[in-house]
Amino acid sequence: MSFIWTVIGIALVIVWVLTVVDIVRRHMGAKRTSAWLLIVVLLPFVGALAYWLMRKPEPGDAEHAAAAERDRREEAHRRPPDSIWPGA
């Protein structure tokens, strides 16, 4: 049972770190950045959840995601049929 709690704890720490990095990386202005950092530091899980729910995508996010999906599909089509299911 403690293994499950350890995995959950590690996942929460990873989400928290990714949230702090994303807040610092984005250009929201000093006041908004400071406010979000304060919220996320004081309320780690709830603050991170609120941030990701309220986060507005950057202008290039949709294009970047579409390009990544297109590259993934092209790569899948280039692979020979035997390599789709390893070990099959």
Foldseek 3Di string as FASTA:
>chain_A
DVVVVVVVVVVLVVLLVVQLVVLVPDDPDDVVSVVLVVQCVVPVPVSSVVCVVPPDDDPCPVVVVVVVVVVVVVVVVPDDPQPPDPPD
